[in-house]
Protein backbone atom coordinates (compact mmCIF):
# COMPACT_ATOMS: atom_id res chain seq x y z
CA UNK A 1 3.13 36.48 -28.48
CA UNK A 2 6.26 34.87 -27.16
CA UNK A 3 9.03 34.75 -29.59
CA UNK A 4 10.59 31.26 -30.32
CA UNK A 5 13.81 32.23 -28.21
CA UNK A 6 11.53 32.64 -25.00
CA UNK A 7 9.65 29.27 -25.24
CA UNK A 8 10.61 26.31 -23.37
CA UNK A 9 9.95 22.85 -24.84
CA UNK A 10 10.35 19.40 -23.33
CA UNK A 11 8.73 16.12 -23.88
CA UNK A 12 6.44 14.96 -21.17
CA UNK A 13 6.83 11.21 -20.16
CA UNK A 14 3.82 9.09 -21.13
CA UNK A 15 2.81 8.43 -17.55
CA UNK A 16 2.42 12.00 -16.76
CA UNK A 17 -0.49 12.14 -19.21
CA UNK A 18 -2.10 9.20 -17.60
CA UNK A 19 -2.09 11.06 -14.21
CA UNK A 20 -4.98 13.29 -13.17
CA UNK A 21 -2.13 15.56 -11.88
CA UNK A 22 -1.52 16.68 -15.38
CA UNK A 23 -4.92 16.95 -16.80
CA UNK A 24 -4.89 20.79 -16.27
CA UNK A 25 -1.62 21.02 -18.08
CA UNK A 26 -1.29 22.86 -21.47
CA UNK A 27 -1.72 20.67 -24.55
CA UNK A 28 1.06 19.64 -26.58
CA UNK A 29 4.74 19.59 -25.62
CA UNK A 30 5.17 23.30 -24.87
CA UNK A 31 5.49 23.96 -21.11
CA UNK A 32 6.44 27.08 -19.22
CA UNK A 33 9.31 27.05 -16.71
CA UNK A 34 7.07 26.21 -13.70
CA UNK A 35 5.24 23.48 -15.67
CA UNK A 36 8.54 22.00 -16.50
CA UNK A 37 9.81 22.07 -13.06
CA UNK A 38 6.70 20.27 -11.71
CA UNK A 39 6.81 17.66 -14.65
CA UNK A 40 10.56 16.89 -13.73
CA UNK A 41 9.68 16.50 -10.01
CA UNK A 42 6.65 14.37 -10.65
CA UNK A 43 8.61 12.11 -13.02
CA UNK A 44 11.39 11.69 -10.49
CA UNK A 45 9.17 10.71 -7.70
CA UNK A 46 7.09 8.40 -9.94
CA UNK A 47 10.20 6.66 -11.21
CA UNK A 48 11.51 6.09 -7.78
CA UNK A 49 8.25 4.42 -6.89
CA UNK A 50 8.04 2.43 -10.26
CA UNK A 51 11.36 0.83 -9.51
CA UNK A 52 9.85 -0.88 -6.49
CA UNK A 53 7.08 -2.28 -8.62
CA UNK A 54 9.03 -3.63 -11.66
CA UNK A 55 7.86 -6.98 -13.14
CA UNK A 56 10.28 -9.80 -12.62
CA UNK A 57 11.64 -8.67 -9.34
CA UNK A 58 11.85 -11.22 -6.48
CA UNK A 59 10.27 -10.10 -3.14
CA UNK A 60 13.90 -10.12 -1.71
CA UNK A 61 15.10 -7.61 -4.59
CA UNK A 62 11.98 -5.44 -3.74
CA UNK A 63 12.87 -5.44 -0.02
CA UNK A 64 16.44 -4.41 -0.82
CA UNK A 65 15.33 -1.69 -3.18
CA UNK A 66 13.12 -0.30 -0.32
CA UNK A 67 16.28 -0.40 1.77
CA UNK A 68 18.28 1.62 -0.59
CA UNK A 69 15.33 3.89 -1.22
CA UNK A 70 15.08 4.74 2.49
CA UNK A 71 18.59 6.27 2.87
CA UNK A 72 18.61 9.83 4.04
CA UNK A 73 14.91 10.04 4.14
CA UNK A 74 14.54 9.63 0.30
CA UNK A 75 11.38 7.41 0.45
CA UNK A 76 9.53 9.94 2.61
CA UNK A 77 10.63 12.92 0.38
CA UNK A 78 9.47 11.12 -2.76
CA UNK A 79 6.21 9.87 -1.30
CA UNK A 80 5.35 12.99 0.61
CA UNK A 81 1.73 13.38 1.93
CA UNK A 82 0.56 15.22 -1.12
CA UNK A 83 1.93 12.60 -3.40
CA UNK A 84 0.95 9.49 -1.31
CA UNK A 85 -2.11 9.84 0.76
CA UNK A 86 -2.46 6.09 1.80
CA UNK A 87 -1.32 6.35 5.40
CA UNK A 88 -3.91 9.16 6.19
CA UNK A 89 -6.60 7.33 4.31
CA UNK A 90 -6.10 4.06 6.08
CA UNK A 91 -5.73 5.82 9.59
CA UNK A 92 -8.88 7.82 8.92
CA UNK A 93 -10.61 4.54 8.13
CA UNK A 94 -9.51 3.00 11.37
CA UNK A 95 -10.62 5.98 13.33
CA UNK A 96 -14.08 5.70 11.80
CA UNK A 97 -14.34 2.06 12.77
CA UNK A 98 -13.15 2.43 16.27
CA UNK A 99 -14.55 5.36 18.18
CA UNK A 100 -13.86 4.36 21.75
CA UNK A 101 -10.88 3.17 24.05
CA UNK A 102 -8.49 3.67 21.09
CA UNK A 103 -5.47 3.64 23.35
CA UNK A 104 -6.17 -0.06 24.46
CA UNK A 105 -6.65 -1.58 20.91
CA UNK A 106 -3.73 -3.50 19.46
CA UNK A 107 -2.84 -2.67 15.87
CA UNK A 108 -0.59 -4.44 13.33
CA UNK A 109 0.86 -2.40 10.57
CA UNK A 110 1.77 -4.64 7.72
CA UNK A 111 4.30 -3.27 5.39
CA UNK A 112 4.89 -0.52 7.68
CA UNK A 113 7.85 1.07 5.93
CA UNK A 114 9.14 4.23 7.58
CA UNK A 115 6.06 4.37 9.97
CA UNK A 116 4.07 6.90 8.20
CA UNK A 117 0.84 4.94 9.05
CA UNK A 118 1.82 4.70 12.65
CA UNK A 119 2.14 8.55 12.70
CA UNK A 120 -1.35 9.04 11.39
CA UNK A 121 -2.87 6.37 13.68
CA UNK A 122 -1.18 7.93 16.62
CA UNK A 123 -2.90 11.28 15.79
CA UNK A 124 -6.31 9.48 16.43
CA UNK A 125 -5.13 8.31 19.84
CA UNK A 126 -4.14 4.74 18.75
CA UNK A 127 -0.95 3.98 20.85
CA UNK A 128 -0.47 0.11 20.82
CA UNK A 129 0.97 -0.31 17.33
CA UNK A 130 3.27 -3.31 15.99
CA UNK A 131 4.89 -3.16 12.79
CA UNK A 132 6.08 -5.74 10.01
CA UNK A 133 8.17 -5.03 7.00
CA UNK A 134 10.87 -7.13 5.10
CA UNK A 135 13.12 -4.16 4.56
CA UNK A 136 15.88 -3.64 7.12
CA UNK A 137 16.34 0.03 5.85
CA UNK A 138 12.75 0.98 6.11
CA UNK A 139 12.61 -0.49 9.69
CA UNK A 140 15.64 1.45 10.67
CA UNK A 141 13.90 4.66 9.86
CA UNK A 142 10.63 3.38 11.34
CA UNK A 143 12.40 2.88 14.58
CA UNK A 144 13.38 6.63 14.89
CA UNK A 145 9.77 7.64 15.19
CA UNK A 146 9.50 5.79 18.55
CA UNK A 147 5.84 4.92 17.78
CA UNK A 148 5.81 1.13 17.34
CA UNK A 149 5.86 -1.29 20.28
CA UNK A 150 7.43 -4.16 18.30
CA UNK A 151 8.83 -4.29 14.88
CA UNK A 152 9.11 -7.56 12.87
CA UNK A 153 11.50 -7.94 9.78
CA UNK A 154 9.50 -10.48 8.08
CA UNK A 155 7.67 -11.12 4.50
CA UNK A 156 4.01 -12.04 4.75
CA UNK A 157 3.05 -14.75 2.52
CA UNK A 158 1.99 -18.39 3.04
CA UNK A 159 4.67 -18.96 5.70
CA UNK A 160 3.69 -18.73 9.56
CA UNK A 161 4.91 -15.53 11.19
CA UNK A 162 6.48 -15.58 14.56
CA UNK A 163 3.45 -13.95 15.97
CA UNK A 164 0.66 -15.72 18.22
CA UNK A 165 -2.82 -16.41 16.96
CA UNK A 166 -5.63 -13.69 17.38
CA UNK A 167 -3.67 -11.05 19.24
CA UNK A 168 -4.64 -7.88 17.15
CA UNK A 169 -7.94 -5.86 17.12
CA UNK A 170 -7.02 -4.46 13.74
CA UNK A 171 -4.55 -5.01 10.91
CA UNK A 172 -3.83 -2.15 8.29
CA UNK A 173 -2.04 -2.21 5.05
CA UNK A 174 -1.20 0.90 3.00
CA UNK A 175 1.03 0.54 0.04
CA UNK A 176 1.76 -3.18 0.76
CA UNK A 177 0.12 -4.54 -2.31
CA UNK A 178 1.87 -4.25 -5.70
CA UNK A 179 4.07 -5.98 -8.09
CA UNK A 180 6.01 -8.66 -6.17
CA UNK A 181 4.74 -7.34 -2.98
CA UNK A 182 2.20 -9.18 -0.79
CA UNK A 183 0.61 -12.23 -2.32
CA UNK A 184 -3.02 -13.17 -1.99
CA UNK A 185 -1.96 -16.08 0.21
CA UNK A 186 -0.83 -13.40 2.78
CA UNK A 187 -4.39 -12.93 3.70
CA UNK A 188 -4.34 -16.29 5.51
CA UNK A 189 -1.57 -15.11 7.98
CA UNK A 190 -3.44 -11.68 8.39
CA UNK A 191 -6.62 -13.58 9.55
CA UNK A 192 -4.60 -15.85 11.80
CA UNK A 193 -3.14 -13.00 13.79
CA UNK A 194 -6.31 -10.95 14.33
CA UNK A 195 -8.90 -11.62 16.79
CA UNK A 196 -12.26 -12.95 15.70
CA UNK A 197 -14.47 -9.93 15.32
CA UNK A 198 -11.38 -7.79 14.51
CA UNK A 199 -10.71 -5.89 11.31
CA UNK A 200 -8.47 -5.90 8.48
CA UNK A 201 -8.16 -2.74 6.49
CA UNK A 202 -6.27 -2.50 3.22
CA UNK A 203 -5.74 0.48 0.87
CA UNK A 204 -4.18 -0.21 -2.48
CA UNK A 205 -4.12 1.39 -6.00
CA UNK A 206 -7.26 0.54 -8.01
CA UNK A 207 -5.35 -0.08 -11.16
CA UNK A 208 -3.33 -2.81 -9.74
CA UNK A 209 -6.38 -5.10 -9.92
CA UNK A 210 -6.11 -4.74 -13.65
CA UNK A 211 -2.45 -5.25 -14.41
CA UNK A 212 -0.58 -6.84 -11.55
CA UNK A 213 -0.81 -10.59 -12.35
CA UNK A 214 -1.03 -11.77 -8.67
CA UNK A 215 -4.15 -9.66 -8.23
CA UNK A 216 -5.81 -9.69 -11.74
CA UNK A 217 -8.73 -12.01 -11.39
CA UNK A 218 -7.42 -13.49 -8.30
CA UNK A 219 -7.42 -11.10 -5.32
CA UNK A 220 -11.08 -10.49 -5.08
CA UNK A 221 -11.88 -14.18 -5.94
CA UNK A 222 -9.54 -15.11 -3.07
CA UNK A 223 -11.35 -12.70 -0.73
CA UNK A 224 -14.61 -14.02 -1.83
CA UNK A 225 -13.50 -17.72 -1.10
CA UNK A 226 -12.23 -16.70 2.37
CA UNK A 227 -15.76 -15.12 2.87
CA UNK A 228 -17.50 -18.32 1.57
CA UNK A 229 -15.52 -20.46 3.97
CA UNK A 230 -16.49 -18.20 6.92
CA UNK A 231 -12.97 -16.94 7.61
CA UNK A 232 -14.05 -13.32 7.11
CA UNK A 233 -16.82 -10.89 6.01
CA UNK A 234 -16.31 -8.22 3.64
CA UNK A 235 -17.96 -5.03 5.34
CA UNK A 236 -17.18 -2.64 2.65
CA UNK A 237 -15.24 -2.11 -0.56
CA UNK A 238 -15.06 1.50 -1.69
CA UNK A 239 -12.92 3.66 -4.09
CA UNK A 240 -11.10 6.59 -2.64
CA UNK A 241 -9.75 9.47 -4.91
CA UNK A 242 -5.96 10.50 -5.18
CA UNK A 243 -4.56 7.59 -3.17
CA UNK A 244 -1.08 7.73 -4.70
CA UNK A 245 0.24 9.94 -7.60
CA UNK A 246 -3.41 11.16 -8.09
CA UNK A 247 -4.39 7.65 -8.95
CA UNK A 248 -7.70 6.41 -7.21
CA UNK A 249 -7.30 3.53 -4.51
CA UNK A 250 -9.67 1.00 -3.15
CA UNK A 251 -10.30 0.36 0.58
CA UNK A 252 -11.27 -3.32 1.69
CA UNK A 253 -12.83 -3.30 5.19
CA UNK A 254 -13.11 -6.95 6.34
CA UNK A 255 -14.03 -8.52 9.70
CA UNK A 256 -12.33 -11.64 10.77
CA UNK A 257 -14.63 -14.46 11.71
CA UNK A 258 -12.35 -17.45 12.59
CA UNK A 259 -8.76 -18.55 12.15
CA UNK A 260 -7.57 -19.32 8.67
CA UNK A 261 -5.81 -22.06 6.85
CA UNK A 262 -4.51 -22.22 3.27
CA UNK A 263 -7.32 -22.42 0.67
CA UNK A 264 -7.26 -24.27 -2.59
CA UNK A 265 -9.03 -23.83 -5.95
CA UNK A 266 -8.08 -20.15 -6.49
CA UNK A 267 -7.57 -19.29 -10.02
CA UNK A 268 -4.11 -18.81 -11.11
CA UNK A 269 -2.61 -17.09 -14.21
CA UNK A 270 -1.92 -20.30 -15.96
CA UNK A 271 -5.33 -21.77 -15.23
CA UNK A 272 -6.99 -18.69 -16.57
CA UNK A 273 -4.95 -18.63 -19.61
CA UNK A 274 -5.90 -22.28 -20.31
CA UNK A 275 -9.59 -21.50 -20.31
């Protein structure tokens, strides 16, 4: 048995215990040196990501945080492919949907960040890719990859983007939905810039549907209303494991049917609370 002098002890942060990453860890607070190292690395990455999703931030503050996070490749280091699998998941989904003439299809990558989704799409033979992100720093890193044809520094919300109607065969989002990120109303602009018959593919963290106010009891009703109004058709909603920090994700696969305008009568937090 180890003597007290040879044991290492640390207190594991609460969010580590909520992650599947730590289900195999020893019980209690006693960790060996390797486990302690893993814990500290995980905590640092998790907190870097958490700071982009804090309640009360404005979209502009979120964009500025991403700019600071992108410096010296910090974002890509913290959200490495093992930690954050969203780009591969959404690109693989696109590849399943489009099996022919991939080089001719036109893609829009919303919340493109440093271009990780573009890298994964290009592996499948997709070559005609545009990107949109409100963070100047992230776009600067994205440009270095030389994958995207056009990059737009824009928020996607209820305002009209400087992009023509119906020009994309597919629009993809990985990591763009979160606290103070893309609002439900952004779906209208997504529909507008995608061709009728084109696809919108979104992957997001499943738990955000439960505690991000913008999406709780709102996102899926919003999608349902768009479907009812014949703006789009939900082809599939499926859960995917280990999307981000070993948390499960959800992929929404939707087909655009016709151009969209803003819709009314979507439940808001205040109206829900008044019931």
